Amino acid sequence: MIAMAHKLRIKVVAEGAETAAQIRFLKARRCDAAQGYLFGAPMAEDMLAMLFRESAPPWAALLSAK
C-alpha cells in the first residue's frame, strides 16, 4: 500500500502505531508519518501545545533512530 500510494504521489500516514518495532517497519518501507498510542493518547490541543513547549516528547528519538 505504501509503495502504491507513493507511485501515485500520495503521502501515507499509518494509524495505530503502538510499538517501536512497528515504527521501524514503517520507516523501512518509507512511510511518511504515523500516529497511534506509541506517541500518546488523544489529547486536547492546549495540552499538546503545553507538551511541546515543556520538552521534546519521549518518542522523538524513534524518529531519528536508524
N, C-alpha and C. Protein backbone atom coordinates (compact mmCIF):
# COMPACT_ATOMS: atom_id res chain seq x y z
N MET A 1 0.82 -1.19 0.00
CA MET A 1 0.00 0.00 0.00
C MET A 1 0.87 1.26 0.00
N ILE A 2 1.93 1.23 0.79
CA ILE A 2 2.81 2.40 0.86
C ILE A 2 3.42 2.67 -0.52
N ALA A 3 3.97 1.63 -1.13
CA ALA A 3 4.60 1.78 -2.45
C ALA A 3 3.59 2.25 -3.50
N MET A 4 2.39 1.69 -3.47
CA MET A 4 1.37 2.09 -4.42
C MET A 4 1.00 3.56 -4.24
N ALA A 5 0.81 3.98 -2.99
CA ALA A 5 0.46 5.37 -2.72
C ALA A 5 1.57 6.30 -3.20
N HIS A 6 2.81 5.92 -2.94
CA HIS A 6 3.92 6.77 -3.36
C HIS A 6 4.01 6.86 -4.88
N LYS A 7 3.71 5.78 -5.60
CA LYS A 7 3.70 5.84 -7.06
C LYS A 7 2.64 6.82 -7.56
N LEU A 8 1.58 6.96 -6.78
CA LEU A 8 0.51 7.91 -7.11
C LEU A 8 0.77 9.30 -6.52
N ARG A 9 1.96 9.47 -5.92
CA ARG A 9 2.37 10.73 -5.29
C ARG A 9 1.44 11.13 -4.13
N ILE A 10 1.05 10.13 -3.37
CA ILE A 10 0.19 10.35 -2.20
C ILE A 10 1.02 10.09 -0.94
N LYS A 11 0.94 10.99 0.01
CA LYS A 11 1.61 10.80 1.31
C LYS A 11 0.85 9.74 2.10
N VAL A 12 1.57 8.96 2.89
CA VAL A 12 0.98 7.86 3.66
C VAL A 12 1.13 8.12 5.15
N VAL A 13 0.02 8.02 5.88
CA VAL A 13 0.03 8.12 7.34
C VAL A 13 -0.48 6.80 7.88
N ALA A 14 0.36 6.10 8.62
CA ALA A 14 -0.04 4.84 9.24
C ALA A 14 -0.76 5.15 10.55
N GLU A 15 -1.85 4.48 10.79
CA GLU A 15 -2.61 4.66 12.02
C GLU A 15 -2.41 3.45 12.93
N GLY A 16 -2.46 3.67 14.22
CA GLY A 16 -2.42 2.57 15.18
C GLY A 16 -1.03 2.11 15.56
N ALA A 17 -0.01 2.95 15.40
CA ALA A 17 1.34 2.56 15.79
C ALA A 17 1.41 2.43 17.31
N GLU A 18 1.78 1.25 17.78
CA GLU A 18 1.81 1.00 19.22
C GLU A 18 3.16 0.51 19.73
N THR A 19 4.07 0.12 18.84
CA THR A 19 5.37 -0.39 19.28
C THR A 19 6.49 0.22 18.45
N ALA A 20 7.69 0.21 19.03
CA ALA A 20 8.87 0.69 18.30
C ALA A 20 9.13 -0.19 17.09
N ALA A 21 8.85 -1.47 17.19
CA ALA A 21 9.04 -2.38 16.05
C ALA A 21 8.13 -1.98 14.89
N GLN A 22 6.93 -1.56 15.16
CA GLN A 22 6.04 -1.11 14.10
C GLN A 22 6.58 0.14 13.43
N ILE A 23 7.15 1.04 14.20
CA ILE A 23 7.73 2.27 13.63
C ILE A 23 8.92 1.91 12.76
N ARG A 24 9.78 1.01 13.23
CA ARG A 24 10.92 0.59 12.41
C ARG A 24 10.45 -0.03 11.10
N PHE A 25 9.40 -0.85 11.16
CA PHE A 25 8.81 -1.48 9.97
C PHE A 25 8.34 -0.40 8.99
N LEU A 26 7.62 0.59 9.49
CA LEU A 26 7.10 1.66 8.64
C LEU A 26 8.22 2.51 8.06
N LYS A 27 9.24 2.81 8.88
CA LYS A 27 10.37 3.60 8.39
C LYS A 27 11.12 2.86 7.29
N ALA A 28 11.29 1.55 7.46
CA ALA A 28 11.99 0.75 6.46
C ALA A 28 11.26 0.75 5.13
N ARG A 29 9.97 0.95 5.17
CA ARG A 29 9.15 0.98 3.96
C ARG A 29 8.83 2.40 3.51
N ARG A 30 9.49 3.37 4.13
CA ARG A 30 9.40 4.79 3.79
C ARG A 30 7.99 5.37 3.96
N CYS A 31 7.30 4.92 4.99
CA CYS A 31 6.01 5.51 5.33
C CYS A 31 6.26 6.97 5.74
N ASP A 32 5.41 7.87 5.32
CA ASP A 32 5.64 9.29 5.54
C ASP A 32 5.39 9.74 6.98
N ALA A 33 4.42 9.14 7.65
CA ALA A 33 4.09 9.54 9.01
C ALA A 33 3.32 8.41 9.69
N ALA A 34 3.24 8.51 11.01
CA ALA A 34 2.49 7.51 11.77
C ALA A 34 1.84 8.20 12.96
N GLN A 35 0.77 7.60 13.42
CA GLN A 35 0.10 8.08 14.62
C GLN A 35 -0.37 6.87 15.39
N GLY A 36 -0.54 7.05 16.68
CA GLY A 36 -1.03 5.94 17.50
C GLY A 36 -0.63 6.12 18.95
N TYR A 37 -1.02 5.15 19.77
CA TYR A 37 -0.79 5.25 21.20
C TYR A 37 0.67 5.21 21.58
N LEU A 38 1.57 4.76 20.70
CA LEU A 38 3.00 4.83 21.00
C LEU A 38 3.39 6.29 21.23
N PHE A 39 2.81 7.18 20.48
CA PHE A 39 3.12 8.60 20.58
C PHE A 39 2.32 9.28 21.67
N GLY A 40 1.19 8.73 22.03
CA GLY A 40 0.38 9.31 23.09
C GLY A 40 -1.09 9.12 22.82
N ALA A 41 -1.85 9.20 23.88
CA ALA A 41 -3.30 9.10 23.78
C ALA A 41 -3.84 10.40 23.19
N PRO A 42 -5.02 10.35 22.60
CA PRO A 42 -5.63 11.60 22.10
C PRO A 42 -5.70 12.64 23.23
N MET A 43 -5.45 13.90 22.87
CA MET A 43 -5.49 14.95 23.88
C MET A 43 -5.97 16.25 23.25
N ALA A 44 -6.37 17.15 24.10
CA ALA A 44 -6.84 18.45 23.66
C ALA A 44 -5.68 19.26 23.10
N GLU A 45 -5.98 20.17 22.20
CA GLU A 45 -4.96 20.98 21.54
C GLU A 45 -4.10 21.76 22.53
N ASP A 46 -4.71 22.33 23.57
CA ASP A 46 -3.93 23.10 24.53
C ASP A 46 -2.95 22.23 25.31
N MET A 47 -3.34 20.99 25.60
CA MET A 47 -2.44 20.08 26.29
C MET A 47 -1.26 19.68 25.39
N LEU A 48 -1.53 19.48 24.11
CA LEU A 48 -0.47 19.14 23.16
C LEU A 48 0.52 20.29 23.04
N ALA A 49 0.02 21.50 22.94
CA ALA A 49 0.89 22.68 22.85
C ALA A 49 1.77 22.78 24.09
N MET A 50 1.21 22.53 25.26
CA MET A 50 1.98 22.58 26.50
C MET A 50 3.07 21.51 26.50
N LEU A 51 2.76 20.32 26.03
CA LEU A 51 3.73 19.23 25.97
C LEU A 51 4.93 19.63 25.12
N PHE A 52 4.70 20.22 23.97
CA PHE A 52 5.78 20.62 23.09
C PHE A 52 6.57 21.81 23.62
N ARG A 53 5.92 22.68 24.37
CA ARG A 53 6.64 23.82 24.96
C ARG A 53 7.58 23.35 26.07
N GLU A 54 7.15 22.36 26.85
CA GLU A 54 7.91 21.94 28.04
C GLU A 54 9.13 21.10 27.70
N SER A 55 9.01 20.18 26.75
CA SER A 55 10.15 19.31 26.44
C SER A 55 9.89 18.53 25.16
N ALA A 56 10.95 17.95 24.65
CA ALA A 56 10.80 17.07 23.49
C ALA A 56 10.03 15.83 23.94
N PRO A 57 9.12 15.34 23.13
CA PRO A 57 8.37 14.16 23.51
C PRO A 57 9.29 12.94 23.64
N PRO A 58 8.97 12.00 24.53
CA PRO A 58 9.85 10.85 24.77
C PRO A 58 10.06 9.98 23.54
N TRP A 59 9.17 10.04 22.59
CA TRP A 59 9.29 9.21 21.39
C TRP A 59 10.08 9.88 20.28
N ALA A 60 10.56 11.11 20.50
CA ALA A 60 11.26 11.84 19.44
C ALA A 60 12.50 11.09 18.95
N ALA A 61 13.17 10.37 19.83
CA ALA A 61 14.37 9.62 19.44
C ALA A 61 14.04 8.55 18.42
N LEU A 62 12.83 8.00 18.44
CA LEU A 62 12.44 6.97 17.48
C LEU A 62 12.43 7.51 16.06
N LEU A 63 12.12 8.77 15.91
CA LEU A 63 12.02 9.35 14.58
C LEU A 63 13.37 9.50 13.90
N SER A 64 14.43 9.63 14.69
CA SER A 64 15.76 9.78 14.11
C SER A 64 16.58 8.50 14.20
N ALA A 65 16.07 7.48 14.89
CA ALA A 65 16.80 6.20 15.02
C ALA A 65 16.87 5.48 13.68
N LYS A 66 17.95 4.80 13.46
CA LYS A 66 18.11 4.05 12.20
C LYS A 66 17.85 2.59 12.39
